[in-house]
Amino acid sequence: MATYYEEDDLSRFGEVGRERPDLYAKFMEWYGATLAEGELTRREKALIGLAVAHALQCPYCVDSFTQQCLEAGSNAAQMTEALHVAASVRGGSALVHGVQMLNSLDKVSM
């Protein structure tokens, strides 16, 4: 069964710059700078990227950041913990909207 996501497409990412290589180059320069060692280590940034990739539900990003995490020295337990942080933030952001529901209920109940 074919799916929208094709694992091999990740290796074709550079092709999105075909029509505007100048814009693609600027993005790649910025992207590289955000992942460079700084106040956070490469490993920490890769774990953040992996968590965000899961929260955004981008399979290409999950693949890419899984590889980056491994290359930066993360292990499966650390990566799984990052995934759970992302899931809990996403779940919490859904639950906090329950306050909006309560506000609406309070208005109707007045």
PDB file of N, CA and C in Angstrom:
ATOM      1  N   MET A   1       0.831  -1.171   0.000  1.00  0.00           N
ATOM      2  CA  MET A   1       0.000   0.000   0.000  1.00  0.00           C
ATOM      3  C   MET A   1       0.880   1.241   0.000  1.00  0.00           C
ATOM      4  N   ALA A   2       0.688   2.111  -0.939  1.00  0.00           N
ATOM      5  CA  ALA A   2       1.456   3.348  -1.034  1.00  0.00           C
ATOM      6  C   ALA A   2       0.945   4.351  -0.005  1.00  0.00           C
ATOM      7  N   THR A   3       1.869   5.162   0.508  1.00  0.00           N
ATOM      8  CA  THR A   3       1.495   6.214   1.438  1.00  0.00           C
ATOM      9  C   THR A   3       2.035   7.537   0.917  1.00  0.00           C
ATOM     10  N   TYR A   4       1.570   8.606   1.501  1.00  0.00           N
ATOM     11  CA  TYR A   4       2.058   9.938   1.124  1.00  0.00           C
ATOM     12  C   TYR A   4       3.533  10.065   1.466  1.00  0.00           C
ATOM     13  N   TYR A   5       3.910   9.532   2.600  1.00  0.00           N
ATOM     14  CA  TYR A   5       5.286   9.606   3.065  1.00  0.00           C
ATOM     15  C   TYR A   5       6.135   8.564   2.360  1.00  0.00           C
ATOM     16  N   GLU A   6       7.187   9.010   1.736  1.00  0.00           N
ATOM     17  CA  GLU A   6       8.149   8.121   1.087  1.00  0.00           C
ATOM     18  C   GLU A   6       9.515   8.381   1.720  1.00  0.00           C
ATOM     19  N   GLU A   7      10.044   7.410   2.418  1.00  0.00           N
ATOM     20  CA  GLU A   7      11.303   7.570   3.139  1.00  0.00           C
ATOM     21  C   GLU A   7      12.414   8.119   2.246  1.00  0.00           C
ATOM     22  N   ASP A   8      12.465   7.690   1.002  1.00  0.00           N
ATOM     23  CA  ASP A   8      13.514   8.138   0.080  1.00  0.00           C
ATOM     24  C   ASP A   8      13.417   9.618  -0.265  1.00  0.00           C
ATOM     25  N   ASP A   9      12.258  10.219  -0.037  1.00  0.00           N
ATOM     26  CA  ASP A   9      12.101  11.638  -0.350  1.00  0.00           C
ATOM     27  C   ASP A   9      12.988  12.526   0.510  1.00  0.00           C
ATOM     28  N   LEU A  10      13.331  12.075   1.711  1.00  0.00           N
ATOM     29  CA  LEU A  10      14.180  12.884   2.579  1.00  0.00           C
ATOM     30  C   LEU A  10      15.511  13.190   1.902  1.00  0.00           C
ATOM     31  N   SER A  11      16.036  12.240   1.172  1.00  0.00           N
ATOM     32  CA  SER A  11      17.313  12.464   0.481  1.00  0.00           C
ATOM     33  C   SER A  11      17.170  13.440  -0.684  1.00  0.00           C
ATOM     34  N   ARG A  12      15.944  13.742  -1.061  1.00  0.00           N
ATOM     35  CA  ARG A  12      15.687  14.676  -2.170  1.00  0.00           C
ATOM     36  C   ARG A  12      15.401  16.095  -1.677  1.00  0.00           C
ATOM     37  N   PHE A  13      15.561  16.328  -0.377  1.00  0.00           N
ATOM     38  CA  PHE A  13      15.204  17.620   0.209  1.00  0.00           C
ATOM     39  C   PHE A  13      15.826  18.792  -0.546  1.00  0.00           C
ATOM     40  N   GLY A  14      17.054  18.648  -0.968  1.00  0.00           N
ATOM     41  CA  GLY A  14      17.738  19.723  -1.685  1.00  0.00           C
ATOM     42  C   GLY A  14      17.051  20.148  -2.971  1.00  0.00           C
ATOM     43  N   GLU A  15      16.245  19.267  -3.538  1.00  0.00           N
ATOM     44  CA  GLU A  15      15.538  19.594  -4.777  1.00  0.00           C
ATOM     45  C   GLU A  15      14.507  20.703  -4.603  1.00  0.00           C
ATOM     46  N   VAL A  16      14.067  20.959  -3.360  1.00  0.00           N
ATOM     47  CA  VAL A  16      13.090  22.029  -3.174  1.00  0.00           C
ATOM     48  C   VAL A  16      13.705  23.388  -3.482  1.00  0.00           C
ATOM     49  N   GLY A  17      15.020  23.450  -3.573  1.00  0.00           N
ATOM     50  CA  GLY A  17      15.695  24.690  -3.935  1.00  0.00           C
ATOM     51  C   GLY A  17      15.914  24.855  -5.424  1.00  0.00           C
ATOM     52  N   ARG A  18      15.380  23.957  -6.218  1.00  0.00           N
ATOM     53  CA  ARG A  18      15.624  23.961  -7.658  1.00  0.00           C
ATOM     54  C   ARG A  18      15.265  25.295  -8.314  1.00  0.00           C
ATOM     55  N   GLU A  19      14.118  25.827  -8.003  1.00  0.00           N
ATOM     56  CA  GLU A  19      13.661  27.050  -8.675  1.00  0.00           C
ATOM     57  C   GLU A  19      14.203  28.328  -8.039  1.00  0.00           C
ATOM     58  N   ARG A  20      14.503  28.274  -6.737  1.00  0.00           N
ATOM     59  CA  ARG A  20      15.056  29.441  -6.041  1.00  0.00           C
ATOM     60  C   ARG A  20      16.215  29.007  -5.156  1.00  0.00           C
ATOM     61  N   PRO A  21      17.337  28.661  -5.783  1.00  0.00           N
ATOM     62  CA  PRO A  21      18.477  28.184  -4.998  1.00  0.00           C
ATOM     63  C   PRO A  21      18.973  29.221  -3.993  1.00  0.00           C
ATOM     64  N   ASP A  22      18.776  30.490  -4.285  1.00  0.00           N
ATOM     65  CA  ASP A  22      19.206  31.535  -3.359  1.00  0.00           C
ATOM     66  C   ASP A  22      18.433  31.462  -2.042  1.00  0.00           C
ATOM     67  N   LEU A  23      17.128  31.243  -2.116  1.00  0.00           N
ATOM     68  CA  LEU A  23      16.315  31.138  -0.908  1.00  0.00           C
ATOM     69  C   LEU A  23      16.625  29.848  -0.150  1.00  0.00           C
ATOM     70  N   TYR A  24      16.825  28.776  -0.883  1.00  0.00           N
ATOM     71  CA  TYR A  24      17.166  27.500  -0.256  1.00  0.00           C
ATOM     72  C   TYR A  24      18.503  27.616   0.478  1.00  0.00           C
ATOM     73  N   ALA A  25      19.472  28.256  -0.149  1.00  0.00           N
ATOM     74  CA  ALA A  25      20.785  28.429   0.475  1.00  0.00           C
ATOM     75  C   ALA A  25      20.672  29.236   1.766  1.00  0.00           C
ATOM     76  N   LYS A  26      19.834  30.262   1.756  1.00  0.00           N
ATOM     77  CA  LYS A  26      19.637  31.070   2.964  1.00  0.00           C
ATOM     78  C   LYS A  26      18.998  30.229   4.070  1.00  0.00           C
ATOM     79  N   PHE A  27      18.002  29.426   3.692  1.00  0.00           N
ATOM     80  CA  PHE A  27      17.378  28.558   4.680  1.00  0.00           C
ATOM     81  C   PHE A  27      18.391  27.591   5.256  1.00  0.00           C
ATOM     82  N   MET A  28      19.177  26.951   4.402  1.00  0.00           N
ATOM     83  CA  MET A  28      20.140  25.952   4.874  1.00  0.00           C
ATOM     84  C   MET A  28      21.209  26.589   5.759  1.00  0.00           C
ATOM     85  N   GLU A  29      21.616  27.806   5.440  1.00  0.00           N
ATOM     86  CA  GLU A  29      22.591  28.502   6.284  1.00  0.00           C
ATOM     87  C   GLU A  29      21.988  28.756   7.671  1.00  0.00           C
ATOM     88  N   TRP A  30      20.747  29.235   7.703  1.00  0.00           N
ATOM     89  CA  TRP A  30      20.065  29.499   8.968  1.00  0.00           C
ATOM     90  C   TRP A  30      19.838  28.204   9.743  1.00  0.00           C
ATOM     91  N   TYR A  31      19.355  27.185   9.041  1.00  0.00           N
ATOM     92  CA  TYR A  31      19.092  25.884   9.661  1.00  0.00           C
ATOM     93  C   TYR A  31      20.366  25.327  10.291  1.00  0.00           C
ATOM     94  N   GLY A  32      21.452  25.389   9.553  1.00  0.00           N
ATOM     95  CA  GLY A  32      22.732  24.906  10.066  1.00  0.00           C
ATOM     96  C   GLY A  32      23.182  25.685  11.290  1.00  0.00           C
ATOM     97  N   ALA A  33      22.968  26.992  11.257  1.00  0.00           N
ATOM     98  CA  ALA A  33      23.368  27.830  12.389  1.00  0.00           C
ATOM     99  C   ALA A  33      22.548  27.495  13.632  1.00  0.00           C
ATOM    100  N   THR A  34      21.277  27.178  13.450  1.00  0.00           N
ATOM    101  CA  THR A  34      20.448  26.874  14.617  1.00  0.00           C
ATOM    102  C   THR A  34      20.867  25.567  15.278  1.00  0.00           C
ATOM    103  N   LEU A  35      21.444  24.662  14.532  1.00  0.00           N
ATOM    104  CA  LEU A  35      21.836  23.360  15.076  1.00  0.00           C
ATOM    105  C   LEU A  35      23.302  23.298  15.482  1.00  0.00           C
ATOM    106  N   ALA A  36      24.047  24.380  15.240  1.00  0.00           N
ATOM    107  CA  ALA A  36      25.467  24.407  15.590  1.00  0.00           C
ATOM    108  C   ALA A  36      25.630  24.485  17.108  1.00  0.00           C
ATOM    109  N   GLU A  37      26.740  23.993  17.575  1.00  0.00           N
ATOM    110  CA  GLU A  37      27.071  24.062  18.994  1.00  0.00           C
ATOM    111  C   GLU A  37      27.007  25.516  19.449  1.00  0.00           C
ATOM    112  N   GLY A  38      26.395  25.749  20.564  1.00  0.00           N
ATOM    113  CA  GLY A  38      26.281  27.099  21.134  1.00  0.00           C
ATOM    114  C   GLY A  38      26.080  26.976  22.628  1.00  0.00           C
ATOM    115  N   GLU A  39      25.112  27.688  23.162  1.00  0.00           N
ATOM    116  CA  GLU A  39      24.769  27.545  24.578  1.00  0.00           C
ATOM    117  C   GLU A  39      24.235  26.144  24.858  1.00  0.00           C
ATOM    118  N   LEU A  40      23.626  25.538  23.837  1.00  0.00           N
ATOM    119  CA  LEU A  40      23.183  24.147  23.911  1.00  0.00           C
ATOM    120  C   LEU A  40      24.126  23.301  23.067  1.00  0.00           C
ATOM    121  N   THR A  41      24.330  22.071  23.476  1.00  0.00           N
ATOM    122  CA  THR A  41      25.177  21.168  22.704  1.00  0.00           C
ATOM    123  C   THR A  41      24.420  20.680  21.468  1.00  0.00           C
ATOM    124  N   ARG A  42      25.153  20.130  20.520  1.00  0.00           N
ATOM    125  CA  ARG A  42      24.518  19.509  19.350  1.00  0.00           C
ATOM    126  C   ARG A  42      23.555  18.419  19.787  1.00  0.00           C
ATOM    127  N   ARG A  43      23.935  17.652  20.788  1.00  0.00           N
ATOM    128  CA  ARG A  43      23.099  16.569  21.287  1.00  0.00           C
ATOM    129  C   ARG A  43      21.788  17.112  21.856  1.00  0.00           C
ATOM    130  N   GLU A  44      21.876  18.160  22.658  1.00  0.00           N
ATOM    131  CA  GLU A  44      20.666  18.764  23.230  1.00  0.00           C
ATOM    132  C   GLU A  44      19.760  19.308  22.129  1.00  0.00           C
ATOM    133  N   LYS A  45      20.350  19.962  21.155  1.00  0.00           N
ATOM    134  CA  LYS A  45      19.559  20.525  20.056  1.00  0.00           C
ATOM    135  C   LYS A  45      18.907  19.426  19.224  1.00  0.00           C
ATOM    136  N   ALA A  46      19.605  18.331  19.024  1.00  0.00           N
ATOM    137  CA  ALA A  46      19.030  17.217  18.266  1.00  0.00           C
ATOM    138  C   ALA A  46      17.851  16.613  19.023  1.00  0.00           C
ATOM    139  N   LEU A  47      17.956  16.493  20.344  1.00  0.00           N
ATOM    140  CA  LEU A  47      16.851  15.971  21.143  1.00  0.00           C
ATOM    141  C   LEU A  47      15.647  16.912  21.098  1.00  0.00           C
ATOM    142  N   ILE A  48      15.907  18.222  21.152  1.00  0.00           N
ATOM    143  CA  ILE A  48      14.814  19.196  21.010  1.00  0.00           C
ATOM    144  C   ILE A  48      14.170  19.037  19.644  1.00  0.00           C
ATOM    145  N   GLY A  49      14.995  18.940  18.610  1.00  0.00           N
ATOM    146  CA  GLY A  49      14.478  18.765  17.255  1.00  0.00           C
ATOM    147  C   GLY A  49      13.634  17.510  17.127  1.00  0.00           C
ATOM    148  N   LEU A  50      14.080  16.426  17.756  1.00  0.00           N
ATOM    149  CA  LEU A  50      13.326  15.177  17.712  1.00  0.00           C
ATOM    150  C   LEU A  50      11.971  15.333  18.399  1.00  0.00           C
ATOM    151  N   ALA A  51      11.963  16.008  19.544  1.00  0.00           N
ATOM    152  CA  ALA A  51      10.700  16.230  20.257  1.00  0.00           C
ATOM    153  C   ALA A  51       9.749  17.085  19.430  1.00  0.00           C
ATOM    154  N   VAL A  52      10.262  18.156  18.860  1.00  0.00           N
ATOM    155  CA  VAL A  52       9.425  19.031  18.030  1.00  0.00           C
ATOM    156  C   VAL A  52       8.927  18.287  16.803  1.00  0.00           C
ATOM    157  N   ALA A  53       9.778  17.473  16.211  1.00  0.00           N
ATOM    158  CA  ALA A  53       9.368  16.690  15.035  1.00  0.00           C
ATOM    159  C   ALA A  53       8.185  15.799  15.358  1.00  0.00           C
ATOM    160  N   HIS A  54       8.199  15.217  16.539  1.00  0.00           N
ATOM    161  CA  HIS A  54       7.066  14.380  16.952  1.00  0.00           C
ATOM    162  C   HIS A  54       5.827  15.236  17.205  1.00  0.00           C
ATOM    163  N   ALA A  55       6.005  16.388  17.852  1.00  0.00           N
ATOM    164  CA  ALA A  55       4.861  17.255  18.133  1.00  0.00           C
ATOM    165  C   ALA A  55       4.229  17.761  16.838  1.00  0.00           C
ATOM    166  N   LEU A  56       5.068  18.054  15.836  1.00  0.00           N
ATOM    167  CA  LEU A  56       4.561  18.513  14.538  1.00  0.00           C
ATOM    168  C   LEU A  56       4.101  17.360  13.659  1.00  0.00           C
ATOM    169  N   GLN A  57       4.467  16.149  14.045  1.00  0.00           N
ATOM    170  CA  GLN A  57       4.125  14.929  13.324  1.00  0.00           C
ATOM    171  C   GLN A  57       4.664  14.936  11.889  1.00  0.00           C
ATOM    172  N   CYS A  58       5.957  15.298  11.787  1.00  0.00           N
ATOM    173  CA  CYS A  58       6.641  15.318  10.489  1.00  0.00           C
ATOM    174  C   CYS A  58       7.529  14.079  10.390  1.00  0.00           C
ATOM    175  N   PRO A  59       7.132  13.070   9.604  1.00  0.00           N
ATOM    176  CA  PRO A  59       7.932  11.847   9.543  1.00  0.00           C
ATOM    177  C   PRO A  59       9.336  12.077   8.981  1.00  0.00           C
ATOM    178  N   TYR A  60       9.474  13.028   8.078  1.00  0.00           N
ATOM    179  CA  TYR A  60      10.800  13.311   7.534  1.00  0.00           C
ATOM    180  C   TYR A  60      11.704  13.878   8.631  1.00  0.00           C
ATOM    181  N   CYS A  61      11.140  14.773   9.447  1.00  0.00           N
ATOM    182  CA  CYS A  61      11.907  15.364  10.549  1.00  0.00           C
ATOM    183  C   CYS A  61      12.236  14.313  11.601  1.00  0.00           C
ATOM    184  N   VAL A  62      11.295  13.415  11.879  1.00  0.00           N
ATOM    185  CA  VAL A  62      11.551  12.339  12.839  1.00  0.00           C
ATOM    186  C   VAL A  62      12.737  11.516  12.363  1.00  0.00           C
ATOM    187  N   ASP A  63      12.741  11.137  11.091  1.00  0.00           N
ATOM    188  CA  ASP A  63      13.860  10.361  10.542  1.00  0.00           C
ATOM    189  C   ASP A  63      15.173  11.131  10.661  1.00  0.00           C
ATOM    190  N   SER A  64      15.139  12.389  10.246  1.00  0.00           N
ATOM    191  CA  SER A  64      16.352  13.202  10.243  1.00  0.00           C
ATOM    192  C   SER A  64      16.886  13.409  11.656  1.00  0.00           C
ATOM    193  N   PHE A  65      16.018  13.778  12.590  1.00  0.00           N
ATOM    194  CA  PHE A  65      16.487  14.048  13.945  1.00  0.00           C
ATOM    195  C   PHE A  65      16.831  12.775  14.710  1.00  0.00           C
ATOM    196  N   THR A  66      16.211  11.657  14.371  1.00  0.00           N
ATOM    197  CA  THR A  66      16.630  10.392  14.968  1.00  0.00           C
ATOM    198  C   THR A  66      18.091  10.136  14.619  1.00  0.00           C
ATOM    199  N   GLN A  67      18.425  10.321  13.357  1.00  0.00           N
ATOM    200  CA  GLN A  67      19.805  10.133  12.911  1.00  0.00           C
ATOM    201  C   GLN A  67      20.737  11.133  13.579  1.00  0.00           C
ATOM    202  N   GLN A  68      20.310  12.398  13.655  1.00  0.00           N
ATOM    203  CA  GLN A  68      21.148  13.416  14.286  1.00  0.00           C
ATOM    204  C   GLN A  68      21.373  13.112  15.766  1.00  0.00           C
ATOM    205  N   CYS A  69      20.328  12.633  16.443  1.00  0.00           N
ATOM    206  CA  CYS A  69      20.471  12.266  17.851  1.00  0.00           C
ATOM    207  C   CYS A  69      21.508  11.161  18.020  1.00  0.00           C
ATOM    208  N   LEU A  70      21.422  10.144  17.189  1.00  0.00           N
ATOM    209  CA  LEU A  70      22.375   9.037  17.277  1.00  0.00           C
ATOM    210  C   LEU A  70      23.797   9.519  17.008  1.00  0.00           C
ATOM    211  N   GLU A  71      23.950  10.343  15.987  1.00  0.00           N
ATOM    212  CA  GLU A  71      25.282  10.859  15.642  1.00  0.00           C
ATOM    213  C   GLU A  71      25.854  11.746  16.742  1.00  0.00           C
ATOM    214  N   ALA A  72      24.968  12.411  17.497  1.00  0.00           N
ATOM    215  CA  ALA A  72      25.421  13.307  18.561  1.00  0.00           C
ATOM    216  C   ALA A  72      25.598  12.583  19.894  1.00  0.00           C
ATOM    217  N   GLY A  73      25.344  11.269  19.929  1.00  0.00           N
ATOM    218  CA  GLY A  73      25.607  10.488  21.122  1.00  0.00           C
ATOM    219  C   GLY A  73      24.413  10.187  22.009  1.00  0.00           C
ATOM    220  N   SER A  74      23.211  10.495  21.552  1.00  0.00           N
ATOM    221  CA  SER A  74      22.023  10.159  22.345  1.00  0.00           C
ATOM    222  C   SER A  74      21.744   8.668  22.247  1.00  0.00           C
ATOM    223  N   ASN A  75      21.099   8.146  23.280  1.00  0.00           N
ATOM    224  CA  ASN A  75      20.712   6.742  23.239  1.00  0.00           C
ATOM    225  C   ASN A  75      19.186   6.638  23.124  1.00  0.00           C
ATOM    226  N   ALA A  76      18.707   5.431  22.953  1.00  0.00           N
ATOM    227  CA  ALA A  76      17.271   5.221  22.730  1.00  0.00           C
ATOM    228  C   ALA A  76      16.437   5.694  23.911  1.00  0.00           C
ATOM    229  N   ALA A  77      16.915   5.508  25.130  1.00  0.00           N
ATOM    230  CA  ALA A  77      16.158   5.934  26.305  1.00  0.00           C
ATOM    231  C   ALA A  77      16.014   7.455  26.342  1.00  0.00           C
ATOM    232  N   GLN A  78      17.078   8.181  26.016  1.00  0.00           N
ATOM    233  CA  GLN A  78      17.017   9.644  25.992  1.00  0.00           C
ATOM    234  C   GLN A  78      16.070  10.129  24.904  1.00  0.00           C
ATOM    235  N   MET A  79      16.133   9.484  23.754  1.00  0.00           N
ATOM    236  CA  MET A  79      15.278   9.876  22.641  1.00  0.00           C
ATOM    237  C   MET A  79      13.811   9.601  22.978  1.00  0.00           C
ATOM    238  N   THR A  80      13.560   8.477  23.633  1.00  0.00           N
ATOM    239  CA  THR A  80      12.199   8.135  24.027  1.00  0.00           C
ATOM    240  C   THR A  80      11.680   9.125  25.069  1.00  0.00           C
ATOM    241  N   GLU A  81      12.536   9.542  25.974  1.00  0.00           N
ATOM    242  CA  GLU A  81      12.130  10.531  26.975  1.00  0.00           C
ATOM    243  C   GLU A  81      11.770  11.856  26.297  1.00  0.00           C
ATOM    244  N   ALA A  82      12.550  12.264  25.310  1.00  0.00           N
ATOM    245  CA  ALA A  82      12.240  13.488  24.570  1.00  0.00           C
ATOM    246  C   ALA A  82      10.879  13.378  23.881  1.00  0.00           C
ATOM    247  N   LEU A  83      10.608  12.208  23.319  1.00  0.00           N
ATOM    248  CA  LEU A  83       9.311  11.963  22.683  1.00  0.00           C
ATOM    249  C   LEU A  83       8.180  12.122  23.691  1.00  0.00           C
ATOM    250  N   HIS A  84       8.375  11.596  24.884  1.00  0.00           N
ATOM    251  CA  HIS A  84       7.328  11.693  25.901  1.00  0.00           C
ATOM    252  C   HIS A  84       7.134  13.124  26.388  1.00  0.00           C
ATOM    253  N   VAL A  85       8.202  13.905  26.447  1.00  0.00           N
ATOM    254  CA  VAL A  85       8.058  15.322  26.788  1.00  0.00           C
ATOM    255  C   VAL A  85       7.180  16.007  25.741  1.00  0.00           C
ATOM    256  N   ALA A  86       7.475  15.751  24.471  1.00  0.00           N
ATOM    257  CA  ALA A  86       6.676  16.354  23.394  1.00  0.00           C
ATOM    258  C   ALA A  86       5.222  15.932  23.490  1.00  0.00           C
ATOM    259  N   ALA A  87       4.981  14.653  23.752  1.00  0.00           N
ATOM    260  CA  ALA A  87       3.611  14.151  23.848  1.00  0.00           C
ATOM    261  C   ALA A  87       2.884  14.783  25.030  1.00  0.00           C
ATOM    262  N   SER A  88       3.575  14.956  26.146  1.00  0.00           N
ATOM    263  CA  SER A  88       2.917  15.538  27.312  1.00  0.00           C
ATOM    264  C   SER A  88       2.602  17.016  27.089  1.00  0.00           C
ATOM    265  N   VAL A  89       3.484  17.738  26.417  1.00  0.00           N
ATOM    266  CA  VAL A  89       3.205  19.142  26.101  1.00  0.00           C
ATOM    267  C   VAL A  89       2.015  19.230  25.153  1.00  0.00           C
ATOM    268  N   ARG A  90       2.004  18.365  24.159  1.00  0.00           N
ATOM    269  CA  ARG A  90       0.889  18.375  23.208  1.00  0.00           C
ATOM    270  C   ARG A  90      -0.425  18.012  23.911  1.00  0.00           C
ATOM    271  N   GLY A  91      -0.379  17.012  24.787  1.00  0.00           N
ATOM    272  CA  GLY A  91      -1.578  16.638  25.536  1.00  0.00           C
ATOM    273  C   GLY A  91      -2.026  17.750  26.474  1.00  0.00           C
ATOM    274  N   GLY A  92      -1.073  18.372  27.138  1.00  0.00           N
ATOM    275  CA  GLY A  92      -1.394  19.475  28.044  1.00  0.00           C
ATOM    276  C   GLY A  92      -1.989  20.656  27.317  1.00  0.00           C
ATOM    277  N   SER A  93      -1.490  20.921  26.123  1.00  0.00           N
ATOM    278  CA  SER A  93      -2.034  22.051  25.361  1.00  0.00           C
ATOM    279  C   SER A  93      -3.476  21.789  24.934  1.00  0.00           C
ATOM    280  N   ALA A  94      -3.819  20.520  24.737  1.00  0.00           N
ATOM    281  CA  ALA A  94      -5.217  20.187  24.439  1.00  0.00           C
ATOM    282  C   ALA A  94      -6.064  20.334  25.698  1.00  0.00           C
ATOM    283  N   LEU A  95      -5.553  19.849  26.830  1.00  0.00           N
ATOM    284  CA  LEU A  95      -6.320  19.904  28.068  1.00  0.00           C
ATOM    285  C   LEU A  95      -6.558  21.320  28.561  1.00  0.00           C
ATOM    286  N   VAL A  96      -5.569  22.201  28.405  1.00  0.00           N
ATOM    287  CA  VAL A  96      -5.729  23.557  28.915  1.00  0.00           C
ATOM    288  C   VAL A  96      -6.869  24.285  28.208  1.00  0.00           C
ATOM    289  N   HIS A  97      -7.213  23.859  27.011  1.00  0.00           N
ATOM    290  CA  HIS A  97      -8.363  24.451  26.326  1.00  0.00           C
ATOM    291  C   HIS A  97      -9.671  24.071  27.011  1.00  0.00           C
ATOM    292  N   GLY A  98      -9.598  23.121  27.930  1.00  0.00           N
ATOM    293  CA  GLY A  98     -10.762  22.791  28.741  1.00  0.00           C
ATOM    294  C   GLY A  98     -11.230  23.979  29.568  1.00  0.00           C
ATOM    295  N   VAL A  99     -10.315  24.892  29.885  1.00  0.00           N
ATOM    296  CA  VAL A  99     -10.707  26.108  30.606  1.00  0.00           C
ATOM    297  C   VAL A  99     -11.679  26.925  29.757  1.00  0.00           C
ATOM    298  N   GLN A 100     -11.431  26.965  28.452  1.00  0.00           N
ATOM    299  CA  GLN A 100     -12.351  27.662  27.546  1.00  0.00           C
ATOM    300  C   GLN A 100     -13.732  27.014  27.605  1.00  0.00           C
ATOM    301  N   MET A 101     -13.754  25.695  27.643  1.00  0.00           N
ATOM    302  CA  MET A 101     -15.022  24.976  27.762  1.00  0.00           C
ATOM    303  C   MET A 101     -15.716  25.350  29.067  1.00  0.00           C
ATOM    304  N   LEU A 102     -14.951  25.376  30.164  1.00  0.00           N
ATOM    305  CA  LEU A 102     -15.531  25.734  31.445  1.00  0.00           C
ATOM    306  C   LEU A 102     -16.072  27.157  31.433  1.00  0.00           C
ATOM    307  N   ASN A 103     -15.342  28.082  30.796  1.00  0.00           N
ATOM    308  CA  ASN A 103     -15.834  29.466  30.679  1.00  0.00           C
ATOM    309  C   ASN A 103     -17.158  29.512  29.944  1.00  0.00           C
ATOM    310  N   SER A 104     -17.258  28.735  28.856  1.00  0.00           N
ATOM    311  CA  SER A 104     -18.504  28.694  28.095  1.00  0.00           C
ATOM    312  C   SER A 104     -19.626  28.094  28.922  1.00  0.00           C
ATOM    313  N   LEU A 105     -19.322  27.014  29.656  1.00  0.00           N
ATOM    314  CA  LEU A 105     -20.328  26.405  30.522  1.00  0.00           C
ATOM    315  C   LEU A 105     -20.814  27.375  31.583  1.00  0.00           C
ATOM    316  N   ASP A 106     -19.866  28.117  32.158  1.00  0.00           N
ATOM    317  CA  ASP A 106     -20.238  29.089  33.185  1.00  0.00           C
ATOM    318  C   ASP A 106     -21.155  30.159  32.631  1.00  0.00           C
ATOM    319  N   LYS A 107     -20.919  30.607  31.408  1.00  0.00           N
ATOM    320  CA  LYS A 107     -21.767  31.632  30.789  1.00  0.00           C
ATOM    321  C   LYS A 107     -23.163  31.099  30.569  1.00  0.00           C
ATOM    322  N   VAL A 108     -23.261  29.872  30.085  1.00  0.00           N
ATOM    323  CA  VAL A 108     -24.568  29.267  29.801  1.00  0.00           C
ATOM    324  C   VAL A 108     -25.316  28.996  31.094  1.00  0.00           C
ATOM    325  N   SER A 109     -24.595  28.642  32.135  1.00  0.00           N
ATOM    326  CA  SER A 109     -25.210  28.270  33.412  1.00  0.00           C
ATOM    327  C   SER A 109     -25.671  29.457  34.243  1.00  0.00           C
ATOM    328  N   MET A 110     -25.288  30.652  33.858  1.00  0.00           N
ATOM    329  CA  MET A 110     -25.623  31.837  34.657  1.00  0.00           C
ATOM    330  C   MET A 110     -27.088  32.071  34.737  1.00  0.00           C
TER     331      MET A 110
END
